[in-house]
Amino acid sequence: MMKKSCSLPPSSLCSSPAGLEITKEPGEDVTLTCRTEENDKLVVLEWTRDNLGTKNVFVFRDGRPFPARQHESFRNRVFLKDNQIKDGDLSVVLKNVRIDDSGTYQCKVLHENDPQRELNLISIIHLTKGEGGCGLWLPGRTGHTEESCKRCLLPNTRITNCL
């Protein structure tokens, strides 16, 4: 039986007891975790993020990456943690985390013998920039002072993982 994740609106933070929170700085790498207990052959693995439209963070189809469906901002930055997908590990590594990587990430899979022939949600990860919210400090901008926006130059990234 496949584990199902909690289902939350994109604006929510996951609050399950099994939640995982990791802090990363921009420029570092982060592992987006996803695992399935299903033994059937994997046909499609999709990592999506809200607000990307029809493109994805990462797609693995028929045993190999499928870059035609990958959003350009993630090209050459997202890779399977384990190319062999051993033990149901569907995690990906996002290289060089950026402030604009904020959003809700979902791991979805389709297995060969799925009677419904649809992608199943396995994991939700909420990735946000640290507190501050000004993004980039621009001297002279209304409401943005050097003091209030210093922390925005290198904000922390917070990940909450619902299992």
C-alpha atoms as a PDB file:
ATOM      1  CA  MET A   1       0.000   0.000   0.000  1.00  0.00           C
ATOM      2  CA  MET A   2       1.304   3.423  -0.925  1.00  0.00           C
ATOM      3  CA  LYS A   3       1.775   6.094   1.756  1.00  0.00           C
ATOM      4  CA  LYS A   4      -0.313   9.193   1.180  1.00  0.00           C
ATOM      5  CA  SER A   5       0.820  12.613   2.331  1.00  0.00           C
ATOM      6  CA  CYS A   6      -1.132  15.226   4.164  1.00  0.00           C
ATOM      7  CA  SER A   7      -3.005  17.501   1.790  1.00  0.00           C
ATOM      8  CA  LEU A   8      -2.729  21.209   2.496  1.00  0.00           C
ATOM      9  CA  PRO A   9      -3.469  24.375   0.559  1.00  0.00           C
ATOM     10  CA  PRO A  10      -0.294  25.987  -0.829  1.00  0.00           C
ATOM     11  CA  SER A  11      -0.465  28.830   1.689  1.00  0.00           C
ATOM     12  CA  SER A  12      -0.373  26.442   4.661  1.00  0.00           C
ATOM     13  CA  LEU A  13       2.634  25.092   6.478  1.00  0.00           C
ATOM     14  CA  CYS A  14       2.634  21.395   7.181  1.00  0.00           C
ATOM     15  CA  SER A  15       2.259  20.617  10.840  1.00  0.00           C
ATOM     16  CA  SER A  16       2.346  16.838  10.982  1.00  0.00           C
ATOM     17  CA  PRO A  17       4.313  15.231  13.822  1.00  0.00           C
ATOM     18  CA  ALA A  18       6.532  13.625  11.176  1.00  0.00           C
ATOM     19  CA  GLY A  19       7.368  17.041   9.694  1.00  0.00           C
ATOM     20  CA  LEU A  20      10.992  17.788   8.871  1.00  0.00           C
ATOM     21  CA  GLU A  21      12.379  21.304   8.977  1.00  0.00           C
ATOM     22  CA  ILE A  22      15.776  22.161   7.467  1.00  0.00           C
ATOM     23  CA  THR A  23      17.407  25.570   7.155  1.00  0.00           C
ATOM     24  CA  LYS A  24      19.500  26.355   4.074  1.00  0.00           C
ATOM     25  CA  GLU A  25      21.209  29.472   2.768  1.00  0.00           C
ATOM     26  CA  PRO A  26      20.878  30.600  -0.867  1.00  0.00           C
ATOM     27  CA  GLY A  27      23.551  28.895  -2.939  1.00  0.00           C
ATOM     28  CA  GLU A  28      23.435  25.671  -0.941  1.00  0.00           C
ATOM     29  CA  ASP A  29      21.913  22.385  -2.095  1.00  0.00           C
ATOM     30  CA  VAL A  30      18.750  20.888  -0.614  1.00  0.00           C
ATOM     31  CA  THR A  31      17.272  17.396  -0.839  1.00  0.00           C
ATOM     32  CA  LEU A  32      13.523  17.259  -1.484  1.00  0.00           C
ATOM     33  CA  THR A  33      12.568  13.919   0.023  1.00  0.00           C
ATOM     34  CA  CYS A  34      10.039  11.497  -1.378  1.00  0.00           C
ATOM     35  CA  ARG A  35       9.698   7.767  -0.818  1.00  0.00           C
ATOM     36  CA  THR A  36       7.235   5.128  -1.954  1.00  0.00           C
ATOM     37  CA  GLU A  37       6.678   1.639  -0.621  1.00  0.00           C
ATOM     38  CA  GLU A  38       5.049   0.509  -3.863  1.00  0.00           C
ATOM     39  CA  ASN A  39       6.861  -2.423  -5.503  1.00  0.00           C
ATOM     40  CA  ASP A  40       5.410  -2.015  -9.003  1.00  0.00           C
ATOM     41  CA  LYS A  41       7.560  -0.563 -11.771  1.00  0.00           C
ATOM     42  CA  LEU A  42       7.702   3.236 -11.750  1.00  0.00           C
ATOM     43  CA  VAL A  43       6.350   4.702 -15.004  1.00  0.00           C
ATOM     44  CA  VAL A  44       6.394   8.433 -14.181  1.00  0.00           C
ATOM     45  CA  LEU A  45       7.856  10.533 -11.366  1.00  0.00           C
ATOM     46  CA  GLU A  46       6.899  14.215 -11.362  1.00  0.00           C
ATOM     47  CA  TRP A  47       8.167  16.900  -9.027  1.00  0.00           C
ATOM     48  CA  THR A  48       5.971  19.976  -9.373  1.00  0.00           C
ATOM     49  CA  ARG A  49       5.852  23.386  -7.747  1.00  0.00           C
ATOM     50  CA  ASP A  50       2.933  25.762  -7.520  1.00  0.00           C
ATOM     51  CA  ASN A  51       3.039  28.687  -9.987  1.00  0.00           C
ATOM     52  CA  LEU A  52       5.116  26.974 -12.712  1.00  0.00           C
ATOM     53  CA  GLY A  53       2.229  26.565 -15.143  1.00  0.00           C
ATOM     54  CA  THR A  54       2.495  23.464 -17.331  1.00  0.00           C
ATOM     55  CA  LYS A  55       6.205  22.871 -16.672  1.00  0.00           C
ATOM     56  CA  ASN A  56       7.693  20.864 -13.796  1.00  0.00           C
ATOM     57  CA  VAL A  57      10.631  20.937 -11.433  1.00  0.00           C
ATOM     58  CA  PHE A  58      11.716  17.446 -12.557  1.00  0.00           C
ATOM     59  CA  VAL A  59      10.197  14.598 -14.586  1.00  0.00           C
ATOM     60  CA  PHE A  60      11.469  11.015 -14.755  1.00  0.00           C
ATOM     61  CA  ARG A  61       9.697   8.884 -17.336  1.00  0.00           C
ATOM     62  CA  ASP A  62      10.355   5.391 -18.683  1.00  0.00           C
ATOM     63  CA  GLY A  63      13.606   5.063 -16.757  1.00  0.00           C
ATOM     64  CA  ARG A  64      15.213   8.419 -17.578  1.00  0.00           C
ATOM     65  CA  PRO A  65      14.889  12.178 -16.995  1.00  0.00           C
ATOM     66  CA  PHE A  66      12.449  13.929 -19.324  1.00  0.00           C
ATOM     67  CA  PRO A  67      13.779  17.512 -19.744  1.00  0.00           C
ATOM     68  CA  ALA A  68      11.131  18.590 -22.273  1.00  0.00           C
ATOM     69  CA  ARG A  69       8.658  19.048 -19.397  1.00  0.00           C
ATOM     70  CA  GLN A  70      11.111  20.747 -17.026  1.00  0.00           C
ATOM     71  CA  HIS A  71      10.828  24.465 -16.257  1.00  0.00           C
ATOM     72  CA  GLU A  72      13.908  26.324 -17.515  1.00  0.00           C
ATOM     73  CA  SER A  73      14.763  27.732 -14.059  1.00  0.00           C
ATOM     74  CA  PHE A  74      15.396  24.166 -12.825  1.00  0.00           C
ATOM     75  CA  ARG A  75      17.468  22.900 -15.772  1.00  0.00           C
ATOM     76  CA  ASN A  76      20.862  21.565 -14.679  1.00  0.00           C
ATOM     77  CA  ARG A  77      19.915  22.178 -11.019  1.00  0.00           C
ATOM     78  CA  VAL A  78      17.664  19.214 -10.128  1.00  0.00           C
ATOM     79  CA  PHE A  79      18.829  15.599 -10.104  1.00  0.00           C
ATOM     80  CA  LEU A  80      17.667  12.316  -8.636  1.00  0.00           C
ATOM     81  CA  LYS A  81      19.366  11.650  -5.321  1.00  0.00           C
ATOM     82  CA  ASP A  82      19.707   7.999  -6.362  1.00  0.00           C
ATOM     83  CA  ASN A  83      19.779   7.347 -10.116  1.00  0.00           C
ATOM     84  CA  GLN A  84      18.829   3.715  -9.500  1.00  0.00           C
ATOM     85  CA  ILE A  85      15.749   4.677  -7.431  1.00  0.00           C
ATOM     86  CA  LYS A  86      16.608   1.945  -4.919  1.00  0.00           C
ATOM     87  CA  ASP A  87      14.304   1.155  -2.023  1.00  0.00           C
ATOM     88  CA  GLY A  88      11.598   3.533  -3.273  1.00  0.00           C
ATOM     89  CA  ASP A  89      13.747   6.662  -2.845  1.00  0.00           C
ATOM     90  CA  LEU A  90      12.296   9.265  -5.234  1.00  0.00           C
ATOM     91  CA  SER A  91      14.108  12.214  -3.648  1.00  0.00           C
ATOM     92  CA  VAL A  92      15.718  14.901  -5.776  1.00  0.00           C
ATOM     93  CA  VAL A  93      18.558  17.288  -5.025  1.00  0.00           C
ATOM     94  CA  LEU A  94      17.962  20.957  -5.844  1.00  0.00           C
ATOM     95  CA  LYS A  95      21.346  22.588  -6.412  1.00  0.00           C
ATOM     96  CA  ASN A  96      22.118  26.226  -5.688  1.00  0.00           C
ATOM     97  CA  VAL A  97      18.892  27.193  -3.880  1.00  0.00           C
ATOM     98  CA  ARG A  98      17.614  30.640  -4.899  1.00  0.00           C
ATOM     99  CA  ILE A  99      15.169  33.007  -3.247  1.00  0.00           C
ATOM    100  CA  ASP A 100      12.751  32.492  -6.152  1.00  0.00           C
ATOM    101  CA  ASP A 101      12.676  28.727  -5.466  1.00  0.00           C
ATOM    102  CA  SER A 102      10.079  29.424  -2.744  1.00  0.00           C
ATOM    103  CA  GLY A 103       6.832  27.537  -3.149  1.00  0.00           C
ATOM    104  CA  THR A 104       5.021  24.284  -2.481  1.00  0.00           C
ATOM    105  CA  TYR A 105       6.685  21.240  -4.043  1.00  0.00           C
ATOM    106  CA  GLN A 106       4.854  17.981  -4.672  1.00  0.00           C
ATOM    107  CA  CYS A 107       6.187  14.540  -5.523  1.00  0.00           C
ATOM    108  CA  LYS A 108       3.755  12.512  -7.651  1.00  0.00           C
ATOM    109  CA  VAL A 109       4.148   9.034  -9.131  1.00  0.00           C
ATOM    110  CA  LEU A 110       2.455   6.650 -11.525  1.00  0.00           C
ATOM    111  CA  HIS A 111       3.192   2.937 -11.166  1.00  0.00           C
ATOM    112  CA  GLU A 112       2.747   0.372 -13.928  1.00  0.00           C
ATOM    113  CA  ASN A 113      -0.087  -1.579 -12.296  1.00  0.00           C
ATOM    114  CA  ASP A 114      -2.062   1.396 -10.976  1.00  0.00           C
ATOM    115  CA  PRO A 115      -5.686   0.575 -11.864  1.00  0.00           C
ATOM    116  CA  GLN A 116      -6.639   4.267 -11.947  1.00  0.00           C
ATOM    117  CA  ARG A 117      -3.708   5.204 -14.251  1.00  0.00           C
ATOM    118  CA  GLU A 118      -3.202   8.559 -12.553  1.00  0.00           C
ATOM    119  CA  LEU A 119      -0.396  10.299 -10.705  1.00  0.00           C
ATOM    120  CA  ASN A 120      -0.548   9.758  -6.937  1.00  0.00           C
ATOM    121  CA  LEU A 121       0.610  12.429  -4.510  1.00  0.00           C
ATOM    122  CA  ILE A 122       3.362  11.061  -2.249  1.00  0.00           C
ATOM    123  CA  SER A 123       5.030  14.066  -0.614  1.00  0.00           C
ATOM    124  CA  ILE A 124       4.484  17.796  -0.073  1.00  0.00           C
ATOM    125  CA  ILE A 125       7.377  20.099   0.791  1.00  0.00           C
ATOM    126  CA  HIS A 126       6.925  23.788   1.525  1.00  0.00           C
ATOM    127  CA  LEU A 127      10.052  25.785   0.707  1.00  0.00           C
ATOM    128  CA  THR A 128      10.125  29.418   1.821  1.00  0.00           C
ATOM    129  CA  LYS A 129      12.678  32.164   2.111  1.00  0.00           C
ATOM    130  CA  GLY A 130      13.525  33.373   5.586  1.00  0.00           C
ATOM    131  CA  GLU A 131      11.814  36.233   7.357  1.00  0.00           C
ATOM    132  CA  GLY A 132      12.232  39.732   5.995  1.00  0.00           C
ATOM    133  CA  GLY A 133      10.153  39.618   2.841  1.00  0.00           C
ATOM    134  CA  CYS A 134      11.808  42.511   1.037  1.00  0.00           C
ATOM    135  CA  GLY A 135      13.683  40.274  -1.368  1.00  0.00           C
ATOM    136  CA  LEU A 136      16.448  42.530  -2.605  1.00  0.00           C
ATOM    137  CA  TRP A 137      17.409  45.738  -0.827  1.00  0.00           C
ATOM    138  CA  LEU A 138      17.324  48.779  -3.080  1.00  0.00           C
ATOM    139  CA  PRO A 139      18.562  52.006  -1.421  1.00  0.00           C
ATOM    140  CA  GLY A 140      15.986  54.787  -1.443  1.00  0.00           C
ATOM    141  CA  ARG A 141      12.943  52.531  -1.986  1.00  0.00           C
ATOM    142  CA  THR A 142       9.988  53.463   0.212  1.00  0.00           C
ATOM    143  CA  GLY A 143       9.781  51.267   3.291  1.00  0.00           C
ATOM    144  CA  HIS A 144      13.123  49.608   2.657  1.00  0.00           C
ATOM    145  CA  THR A 145      15.959  50.715   4.887  1.00  0.00           C
ATOM    146  CA  GLU A 146      19.384  49.153   4.999  1.00  0.00           C
ATOM    147  CA  GLU A 147      18.777  48.003   8.570  1.00  0.00           C
ATOM    148  CA  SER A 148      15.394  46.376   7.873  1.00  0.00           C
ATOM    149  CA  CYS A 149      16.585  44.609   4.749  1.00  0.00           C
ATOM    150  CA  LYS A 150      20.095  43.443   5.617  1.00  0.00           C
ATOM    151  CA  ARG A 151      18.796  39.987   6.425  1.00  0.00           C
ATOM    152  CA  CYS A 152      17.122  39.808   3.002  1.00  0.00           C
ATOM    153  CA  LEU A 153      20.466  39.726   1.234  1.00  0.00           C
ATOM    154  CA  LEU A 154      21.114  36.231   2.608  1.00  0.00           C
ATOM    155  CA  PRO A 155      17.755  34.970   3.895  1.00  0.00           C
ATOM    156  CA  ASN A 156      17.410  31.472   5.263  1.00  0.00           C
ATOM    157  CA  THR A 157      15.313  28.930   3.433  1.00  0.00           C
ATOM    158  CA  ARG A 158      12.954  26.802   5.496  1.00  0.00           C
ATOM    159  CA  ILE A 159      11.633  23.426   4.379  1.00  0.00           C
ATOM    160  CA  THR A 160       8.720  21.674   5.986  1.00  0.00           C
ATOM    161  CA  ASN A 161       8.062  18.144   4.786  1.00  0.00           C
ATOM    162  CA  CYS A 162       4.704  16.428   5.294  1.00  0.00           C
ATOM    163  CA  LEU A 163       4.836  12.667   5.194  1.00  0.00           C
END
